[in-house]
Amino acid sequence: MKKILKICLQYYLKIITKAVLQIHNPTVIAVAGSVNKSFVRDEVKGMLLRKGKTVRANPKNFNTEIGLPLAILGLESGYNSYRRWLPIIGQALKAIFQKNFPEYLVLELGISQKGDMRYLLSIVQPKIVIVTEITQRYVEFFAGMERLVGEYVYLAKKLKKKRYSYFES
């Protein structure tokens, strides 16, 4: 039952998030890779704020199939509490009508298994991608380093205009 509810929540958040992104059309900057994603995310966010832009970035580790929509919508997580999720579900719907939506979203995209990147990109289409170092951190879930790197190659290929960077640590 818990798994079914999680899938329903995931789908609901995805639909709401896609609507919000379509309505507000922010510039999405994706940060992906195995290491230093949070550091790079915070640096990019800081740079944009210093230029007077309005910016939202993932709080904590909100970079997965449920966390990413929550980050985009500016909502907290209910974690494992059904009671805490109920108001969040309502707040998600209200986010469609949110005023003062940020011009920029600087979003970490976290992957830990094959297909994660494809799912995250079904929610958000970044205009700019920054890929940090790719290490063997999650390789055990990918049947080899080549498959892991393939997730990041997929991200780069999904860019409409080919603008991406690779930072080697």
Foldseek 3Di string as FASTA:
>chain_A
DVVVVVVVLLVLLLVLLLLLCVVLVAAEEEEEADDDSVVVLVVVVVVCVVVVFFEFEQPDPLAFSNSQSCRQLVHDDPPPDPVSVVVVSVSSNCSSVDPPRTNYYYYYHDDQAQPRLVSVVSRPQHQEYEYEYHDCPRVVRQVGPVRVVVSVVVNQVSHPDRHYYYHYD
